[in-house]
Amino acid sequence: MEKSIDLEQLKSIPRDDYVLIDIRDETAFSYGHIPGAINIPKERLVESVKNFGVKKKIILYCISGIISPAAADALIDEGVEAYDLEGGYMAWLRKHIYDEAGENVKEKAEKSLEKKFHRQLFSKFAKAVVTYKLVEEGDKIAVCVSGGKDSFLMAKLFQQLKKHNKFPFELVFLVMDPGYSAANREVIERNAKLLGIPITIFETDIFENVFNIEKSPCYICARMRRGNLYAEAKKLGCNKIALGHHFDDVIETILMGILYGGQVQTMMPKLKSNNFEGMELIRPLYLIREDDIKKWRDYNDLYFIQCACKFTDTCSSEVCLTKDSATGSKRKKVKQIIADIAKDDPEIIYNIFKSVENVNLKTIIAYKDKAGEKHNFLDDY
């Protein structure tokens, strides 16, 4: 039995005759998936399908078609009529953004920021800019576009801000290619064109350098990427880089510091660079909820890449856990903790954020000052 099908063959099969299953993890699925697919991570696939109780074709896909053939084989061994989708999600995504993306993508996305999502997105973006003094007269800001939903939204919000700005500032939409596959690079460039974002791309070999590092490659990759962004932005005459961290990233970081680091700290809305004099990092999505970003993405029928590193194409959850996902797995646990407690009281999410705005040093046993010197409540008891 031929176990692989391509996108054209998939279109020819009546929709009621098959079940389309995305075998990536829940996080990857949430970043974007083929419409109509259900999510069953590879580790639970065989048992879940055996319990379906339906006699339909099972069609599987992963990110790029590397993992799904073995998963299809496992189902075939159990007597299931299973196929893998050639090229996986990336093959579908490339076809979608060229052949099926609607006209006037840019206009619809911008109108939605002005109307439907103005309160949830643009207003909170503008509030962060004003509250934390993120944009000032004469700034030249490198808006760092990684290719995901957060950075592309940030780019559109900066364009909207530029339309209404009360003082002059400049923008550069900066994309670093750390060694993307041709498919991922193509998706980023196509999305930028669809959304009317004039990107400037520079290339590095970061993915190649960290691929064989066993201990914390993701952490090292992030540090290297930030350093390269600072350097390139400075070369272009920028004094700030803007990153797409949002409100959920902030509260997750607060809880991770408490639960895993034994310290109270947060992701700051802006930071001065220690290694690049005169440079600053800003986070203008600081007050924006991730769910609202997803709603904007889905409303506009937009599809973006996730991580896009070399690990993503070839790893299953077990392999990635041995490579680096101590931090990723901790963040995932914290994200779930927040989701669980928010079901009973949504205000808890905002109270976590307020906790780092309302620190009372009189009720703290010990703390460090800006110079790093430790103080104890007994010092002036």
Protein backbone atom coordinates (compact mmCIF):
# COMPACT_ATOMS: atom_id res chain seq x y z
CA MET A 1 0.00 0.00 0.00
CA GLU A 2 1.30 3.45 -0.93
CA LYS A 3 1.65 5.19 2.42
CA SER A 4 2.37 8.77 1.27
CA ILE A 5 0.10 11.27 -0.40
CA ASP A 6 0.72 14.81 -1.61
CA LEU A 7 -1.47 17.88 -1.30
CA GLU A 8 -3.16 17.39 -4.66
CA GLN A 9 -4.10 13.81 -3.76
CA LEU A 10 -5.40 15.02 -0.40
CA LYS A 11 -7.72 17.49 -2.13
CA SER A 12 -9.21 14.69 -4.22
CA ILE A 13 -10.29 12.64 -1.19
CA PRO A 14 -13.82 13.43 0.11
CA ARG A 15 -13.43 15.22 3.46
CA ASP A 16 -15.70 12.78 5.29
CA ASP A 17 -13.50 9.85 4.26
CA TYR A 18 -10.44 10.69 6.35
CA VAL A 19 -9.19 12.06 9.66
CA LEU A 20 -6.32 14.54 9.39
CA ILE A 21 -3.96 14.36 12.38
CA ASP A 22 -1.19 16.79 13.29
CA ILE A 23 1.38 14.76 15.28
CA ARG A 24 3.40 17.74 16.54
CA ASP A 25 3.19 18.83 20.16
CA GLU A 26 0.40 21.07 21.43
CA THR A 27 2.55 24.21 21.34
CA ALA A 28 3.50 23.76 17.69
CA PHE A 29 -0.13 23.00 16.81
CA SER A 30 -1.29 26.20 18.52
CA TYR A 31 1.13 28.26 16.42
CA GLY A 32 -0.60 27.13 13.25
CA HIS A 33 -2.05 24.01 11.66
CA ILE A 34 -3.91 22.82 8.58
CA PRO A 35 -7.62 23.69 8.91
CA GLY A 36 -9.68 20.71 10.02
CA ALA A 37 -6.76 18.85 11.58
CA ILE A 38 -6.88 17.44 15.09
CA ASN A 39 -3.83 17.33 17.35
CA ILE A 40 -2.55 14.00 18.66
CA PRO A 41 1.15 14.17 19.56
CA LYS A 42 3.23 11.30 18.18
CA GLU A 43 3.75 9.72 21.60
CA ARG A 44 -0.01 9.14 22.06
CA LEU A 45 -0.86 8.42 18.44
CA VAL A 46 -1.19 4.62 18.24
CA GLU A 47 -3.24 4.25 21.42
CA SER A 48 -5.51 7.19 20.54
CA VAL A 49 -6.23 5.98 16.99
CA LYS A 50 -6.93 2.44 18.20
CA ASN A 51 -9.60 3.94 20.46
CA PHE A 52 -11.23 5.97 17.68
CA GLY A 53 -13.73 3.30 16.73
CA VAL A 54 -14.12 4.79 13.22
CA LYS A 55 -13.18 3.20 9.91
CA LYS A 56 -11.67 6.11 8.02
CA LYS A 57 -8.34 6.79 6.38
CA ILE A 58 -5.87 8.34 8.80
CA ILE A 59 -3.65 11.02 7.26
CA LEU A 60 -0.74 12.27 9.36
CA TYR A 61 1.55 15.24 9.09
CA CYS A 62 4.46 16.71 11.04
CA ILE A 63 6.36 19.94 10.39
CA SER A 64 8.13 18.92 7.17
CA GLY A 65 7.38 15.25 6.47
CA ILE A 66 10.40 13.77 8.25
CA ILE A 67 8.71 12.29 11.34
CA SER A 68 5.29 11.35 9.93
CA PRO A 69 6.34 8.38 7.69
CA ALA A 70 7.50 6.37 10.73
CA ALA A 71 4.31 7.32 12.57
CA ALA A 72 2.23 6.09 9.62
CA ASP A 73 4.21 2.82 9.62
CA ALA A 74 3.36 2.32 13.30
CA LEU A 75 -0.36 2.65 12.53
CA ILE A 76 -0.14 0.38 9.49
CA ASP A 77 1.44 -2.28 11.71
CA GLU A 78 -1.72 -2.05 13.83
CA GLY A 79 -3.94 -2.66 10.80
CA VAL A 80 -4.92 1.00 10.29
CA GLU A 81 -5.18 2.50 6.79
CA ALA A 82 -2.70 5.31 7.38
CA TYR A 83 -0.83 7.75 5.15
CA ASP A 84 1.64 10.55 5.72
CA LEU A 85 1.31 13.91 4.01
CA GLU A 86 4.41 14.63 1.95
CA GLY A 87 6.21 17.79 3.02
CA GLY A 88 4.04 18.14 6.14
CA TYR A 89 2.70 21.42 7.45
CA MET A 90 5.38 23.47 5.69
CA ALA A 91 4.33 22.13 2.27
CA TRP A 92 0.73 23.11 2.97
CA LEU A 93 1.77 26.50 4.36
CA ARG A 94 3.90 27.39 1.32
CA LYS A 95 1.05 26.48 -1.01
CA HIS A 96 -1.48 28.38 1.09
CA ILE A 97 0.39 31.68 1.22
CA TYR A 98 0.97 31.61 -2.55
CA ASP A 99 -2.20 30.06 -3.95
CA GLU A 100 -4.90 30.52 -1.34
CA ALA A 101 -4.10 33.63 0.70
CA GLY A 102 -6.84 36.13 -0.03
CA GLU A 103 -6.36 39.46 -1.72
CA ASN A 104 -5.96 42.62 0.32
CA VAL A 105 -4.29 40.79 3.22
CA LYS A 106 -2.47 43.98 4.22
CA GLU A 107 -5.60 46.12 4.14
CA LYS A 108 -7.67 43.63 6.13
CA ALA A 109 -4.96 43.19 8.77
CA GLU A 110 -4.56 46.95 9.20
CA LYS A 111 -8.30 47.60 9.31
CA SER A 112 -8.70 44.95 12.00
CA LEU A 113 -6.10 46.75 14.13
CA GLU A 114 -8.00 50.01 13.68
CA LYS A 115 -11.44 48.53 14.35
CA LYS A 116 -12.07 45.01 15.68
CA PHE A 117 -8.83 44.61 17.66
CA HIS A 118 -8.10 48.24 18.46
CA ARG A 119 -8.79 47.92 22.19
CA GLN A 120 -7.04 44.56 22.67
CA LEU A 121 -3.99 45.27 20.54
CA PHE A 122 -3.26 48.81 19.36
CA SER A 123 -4.47 50.53 22.54
CA LYS A 124 -2.36 48.25 24.74
CA PHE A 125 0.63 48.66 22.43
CA ALA A 126 0.29 52.45 22.63
CA LYS A 127 -0.17 52.28 26.41
CA ALA A 128 3.08 50.33 26.81
CA VAL A 129 4.91 52.78 24.54
CA VAL A 130 3.73 55.73 26.64
CA THR A 131 3.86 54.13 30.11
CA TYR A 132 7.38 52.79 29.77
CA LYS A 133 8.69 55.51 27.41
CA LEU A 134 9.67 52.97 24.79
CA VAL A 135 9.69 55.29 21.77
CA GLU A 136 11.17 58.78 21.90
CA GLU A 137 11.81 61.57 19.45
CA GLY A 138 14.75 60.84 17.15
CA ASP A 139 14.80 57.08 17.81
CA LYS A 140 15.75 54.70 15.05
CA ILE A 141 14.26 51.34 16.02
CA ALA A 142 15.14 47.94 14.61
CA VAL A 143 11.85 46.04 14.77
CA CYS A 144 13.08 42.45 14.95
CA VAL A 145 10.90 40.13 12.86
CA SER A 146 11.55 36.46 13.61
CA GLY A 147 8.74 35.20 11.39
CA GLY A 148 6.24 34.29 14.11
CA LYS A 149 2.86 35.79 14.97
CA ASP A 150 4.18 38.06 17.72
CA SER A 151 6.90 39.78 15.72
CA PHE A 152 4.74 40.24 12.63
CA LEU A 153 1.98 41.79 14.74
CA MET A 154 4.57 44.06 16.39
CA ALA A 155 5.72 45.20 12.95
CA LYS A 156 2.16 46.07 11.91
CA LEU A 157 1.54 47.93 15.17
CA PHE A 158 4.69 49.99 14.67
CA GLN A 159 3.48 50.86 11.17
CA GLN A 160 0.16 51.98 12.64
CA LEU A 161 1.96 54.02 15.30
CA LYS A 162 4.08 55.65 12.62
CA LYS A 163 0.91 56.82 10.85
CA HIS A 164 -0.21 58.68 13.97
CA ASN A 165 3.13 59.63 15.51
CA LYS A 166 3.38 63.05 17.11
CA PHE A 167 7.18 63.19 16.81
CA PRO A 168 9.72 61.89 14.31
CA PHE A 169 11.26 58.43 14.66
CA GLU A 170 12.52 55.85 12.17
CA LEU A 171 11.87 52.14 11.74
CA VAL A 172 13.89 49.31 10.23
CA PHE A 173 12.15 45.93 9.99
CA LEU A 174 15.05 43.62 10.62
CA VAL A 175 15.05 39.89 9.88
CA MET A 176 18.01 37.78 10.89
CA ASP A 177 18.38 34.52 8.98
CA PRO A 178 20.27 32.27 11.40
CA GLY A 179 20.26 29.40 8.92
CA TYR A 180 16.61 28.93 8.02
CA SER A 181 15.60 26.22 5.58
CA ALA A 182 14.63 27.53 2.15
CA ALA A 183 10.98 26.83 3.00
CA ASN A 184 11.01 28.85 6.23
CA ARG A 185 12.85 31.74 4.62
CA GLU A 186 10.31 31.73 1.81
CA VAL A 187 7.37 31.83 4.26
CA ILE A 188 8.85 34.80 6.13
CA GLU A 189 9.49 36.77 2.94
CA ARG A 190 6.06 35.97 1.53
CA ASN A 191 4.24 36.97 4.74
CA ALA A 192 6.20 40.22 4.85
CA LYS A 193 5.13 40.95 1.27
CA LEU A 194 1.49 40.05 1.95
CA LEU A 195 1.42 42.32 5.01
CA GLY A 196 3.30 45.19 3.39
CA ILE A 197 6.33 45.09 5.68
CA PRO A 198 9.59 46.18 3.98
CA ILE A 199 12.03 43.81 5.67
CA THR A 200 15.83 44.02 5.71
CA ILE A 201 17.44 40.56 5.91
CA PHE A 202 20.94 39.68 7.08
CA GLU A 203 22.40 36.20 7.38
CA THR A 204 24.34 34.37 10.11
CA ASP A 205 25.33 30.74 10.70
CA ILE A 206 23.99 30.50 14.25
CA PHE A 207 21.94 27.32 13.70
CA GLU A 208 25.00 25.58 12.32
CA ASN A 209 27.09 26.67 15.29
CA VAL A 210 24.68 25.46 17.97
CA PHE A 211 23.34 22.32 16.28
CA ASN A 212 25.88 19.98 17.88
CA ILE A 213 25.93 21.65 21.28
CA GLU A 214 24.52 19.20 23.82
CA LYS A 215 23.97 21.50 26.79
CA SER A 216 21.37 24.28 26.49
CA PRO A 217 21.58 24.91 22.72
CA CYS A 218 18.36 26.96 22.75
CA TYR A 219 19.69 29.28 25.45
CA ILE A 220 22.99 29.73 23.60
CA CYS A 221 21.13 30.26 20.32
CA ALA A 222 18.96 32.98 21.90
CA ARG A 223 22.00 34.77 23.30
CA MET A 224 23.81 34.62 19.97
CA ARG A 225 20.76 35.83 18.07
CA ARG A 226 20.30 38.80 20.37
CA GLY A 227 23.98 39.75 20.08
CA ASN A 228 23.81 39.59 16.29
CA LEU A 229 20.62 41.67 16.24
CA TYR A 230 22.24 44.34 18.40
CA ALA A 231 25.33 44.41 16.18
CA GLU A 232 23.42 44.62 12.91
CA ALA A 233 20.98 47.22 14.28
CA LYS A 234 23.86 49.39 15.45
CA LYS A 235 25.52 49.04 12.05
CA LEU A 236 22.28 50.36 10.50
CA GLY A 237 22.31 53.39 12.80
CA CYS A 238 19.62 52.18 15.19
CA ASN A 239 19.66 52.95 18.89
CA LYS A 240 16.98 50.42 19.90
CA ILE A 241 15.89 46.89 19.05
CA ALA A 242 12.26 45.86 19.60
CA LEU A 243 11.40 42.27 20.51
CA GLY A 244 7.96 40.63 20.47
CA HIS A 245 7.59 39.37 24.04
CA HIS A 246 4.00 39.72 25.25
CA PHE A 247 2.11 39.87 28.57
CA ASP A 248 1.92 36.08 28.91
CA ASP A 249 5.70 35.80 28.51
CA VAL A 250 6.07 38.31 31.34
CA ILE A 251 3.85 36.56 33.88
CA GLU A 252 5.30 33.15 32.99
CA THR A 253 8.78 34.56 33.65
CA ILE A 254 7.69 35.90 37.05
CA LEU A 255 6.37 32.50 38.12
CA MET A 256 9.35 30.63 36.67
CA GLY A 257 11.67 32.82 38.73
CA ILE A 258 9.75 32.00 41.91
CA LEU A 259 9.18 28.29 41.29
CA TYR A 260 12.45 27.31 39.64
CA GLY A 261 14.87 30.13 40.44
CA GLY A 262 13.96 30.96 44.01
CA GLN A 263 13.86 34.67 43.22
CA VAL A 264 11.42 37.46 42.47
CA GLN A 265 12.18 39.01 39.10
CA THR A 266 10.48 39.83 35.83
CA MET A 267 11.07 40.41 32.13
CA MET A 268 11.55 44.18 31.94
CA PRO A 269 9.77 46.39 29.36
CA LYS A 270 13.13 47.89 28.39
CA LEU A 271 16.80 47.28 29.08
CA LYS A 272 20.06 49.06 28.33
CA SER A 273 22.57 46.83 26.59
CA ASN A 274 25.69 45.95 28.58
CA ASN A 275 27.74 45.09 25.51
CA PHE A 276 26.58 47.62 22.90
CA GLU A 277 26.98 51.15 24.14
CA GLY A 278 24.03 53.43 23.48
CA MET A 279 21.75 50.52 22.51
CA GLU A 280 18.52 49.62 24.24
CA LEU A 281 16.06 46.70 24.04
CA ILE A 282 12.32 47.45 24.16
CA ARG A 283 9.26 45.17 24.43
CA PRO A 284 6.22 47.07 23.11
CA LEU A 285 3.84 44.04 23.27
CA TYR A 286 4.38 44.02 27.05
CA LEU A 287 0.69 44.54 27.91
CA ILE A 288 -0.84 42.43 25.11
CA ARG A 289 -2.34 38.99 25.83
CA GLU A 290 -1.22 36.09 23.64
CA ASP A 291 -4.80 34.91 23.10
CA ASP A 292 -5.62 38.27 21.50
CA ILE A 293 -2.64 37.90 19.16
CA LYS A 294 -3.92 34.47 18.13
CA LYS A 295 -7.42 35.85 17.55
CA TRP A 296 -6.00 38.59 15.30
CA ARG A 297 -3.93 35.99 13.40
CA ASP A 298 -6.89 33.66 12.89
CA TYR A 299 -9.35 36.44 12.01
CA ASN A 300 -7.04 37.51 9.19
CA ASP A 301 -6.32 33.92 8.08
CA LEU A 302 -2.60 34.40 8.67
CA TYR A 303 -0.09 31.57 9.08
CA PHE A 304 3.40 32.04 10.46
CA ILE A 305 6.41 29.91 11.28
CA GLN A 306 7.19 28.82 14.84
CA CYS A 307 10.83 28.21 15.87
CA ALA A 308 12.21 27.09 12.48
CA CYS A 309 15.53 25.82 13.84
CA LYS A 310 17.15 22.57 12.70
CA PHE A 311 15.91 20.73 15.79
CA THR A 312 12.28 21.46 14.88
CA ASP A 313 12.37 19.47 11.63
CA THR A 314 13.89 16.33 13.05
CA CYS A 315 12.95 16.07 16.71
CA SER A 316 10.20 14.25 18.48
CA SER A 317 9.31 15.29 22.00
CA GLU A 318 11.60 12.68 23.55
CA VAL A 319 14.63 13.71 21.51
CA CYS A 320 14.10 17.39 22.24
CA LEU A 321 13.84 16.68 25.94
CA THR A 322 17.32 15.21 25.89
CA LYS A 323 18.67 18.15 23.88
CA ASP A 324 17.51 21.22 25.68
CA SER A 325 14.07 21.51 26.77
CA ALA A 326 14.53 21.87 30.48
CA THR A 327 13.58 25.53 30.16
CA GLY A 328 10.91 24.87 27.52
CA SER A 329 9.31 22.14 29.58
CA LYS A 330 9.34 24.33 32.71
CA ARG A 331 7.70 27.18 30.81
CA LYS A 332 5.10 24.77 29.45
CA LYS A 333 4.30 23.59 33.00
CA VAL A 334 4.03 27.17 34.24
CA LYS A 335 1.78 28.08 31.31
CA GLN A 336 -0.52 25.20 32.27
CA ILE A 337 -0.52 26.23 35.96
CA ILE A 338 -1.57 29.76 34.96
CA ALA A 339 -4.29 28.44 32.66
CA ASP A 340 -5.67 26.16 35.38
CA ILE A 341 -5.88 28.82 38.11
CA ALA A 342 -7.28 31.39 35.67
CA LYS A 343 -10.30 29.16 35.00
CA ASP A 344 -11.62 29.93 38.47
CA ASP A 345 -10.46 33.54 38.67
CA PRO A 346 -9.14 35.31 35.53
CA GLU A 347 -7.98 38.25 37.66
CA ILE A 348 -5.22 36.08 39.10
CA ILE A 349 -3.27 36.54 35.86
CA TYR A 350 -3.22 40.30 36.35
CA ASN A 351 -2.41 39.94 40.04
CA ILE A 352 0.75 38.04 39.12
CA PHE A 353 1.77 41.02 37.00
CA LYS A 354 0.84 43.53 39.72
CA SER A 355 2.97 41.63 42.23
CA VAL A 356 6.16 43.04 40.67
CA GLU A 357 4.68 46.54 40.55
CA ASN A 358 3.73 46.56 44.23
CA VAL A 359 6.84 45.26 45.98
CA ASN A 360 7.05 46.55 49.56
CA LEU A 361 10.66 46.33 50.79
CA LYS A 362 9.44 46.44 54.40
CA THR A 363 7.91 42.99 53.89
CA ILE A 364 10.91 41.46 52.08
CA ILE A 365 13.42 39.38 54.05
CA ALA A 366 16.30 40.20 51.70
CA TYR A 367 16.86 41.91 48.37
CA LYS A 368 19.63 43.07 46.04
CA ASP A 369 20.06 46.70 45.01
CA LYS A 370 21.05 47.90 41.52
CA ALA A 371 24.72 47.37 42.30
CA GLY A 372 24.03 43.77 43.24
CA GLU A 373 24.66 44.32 46.94
CA LYS A 374 22.45 42.22 49.19
CA HIS A 375 20.41 43.81 52.00
CA ASN A 376 18.64 42.03 54.86
CA PHE A 377 15.66 43.28 56.87
CA LEU A 378 17.79 42.91 59.99
CA ASP A 379 20.23 45.56 58.69
CA ASP A 380 18.00 48.35 60.05
CA TYR A 381 15.61 46.38 62.23
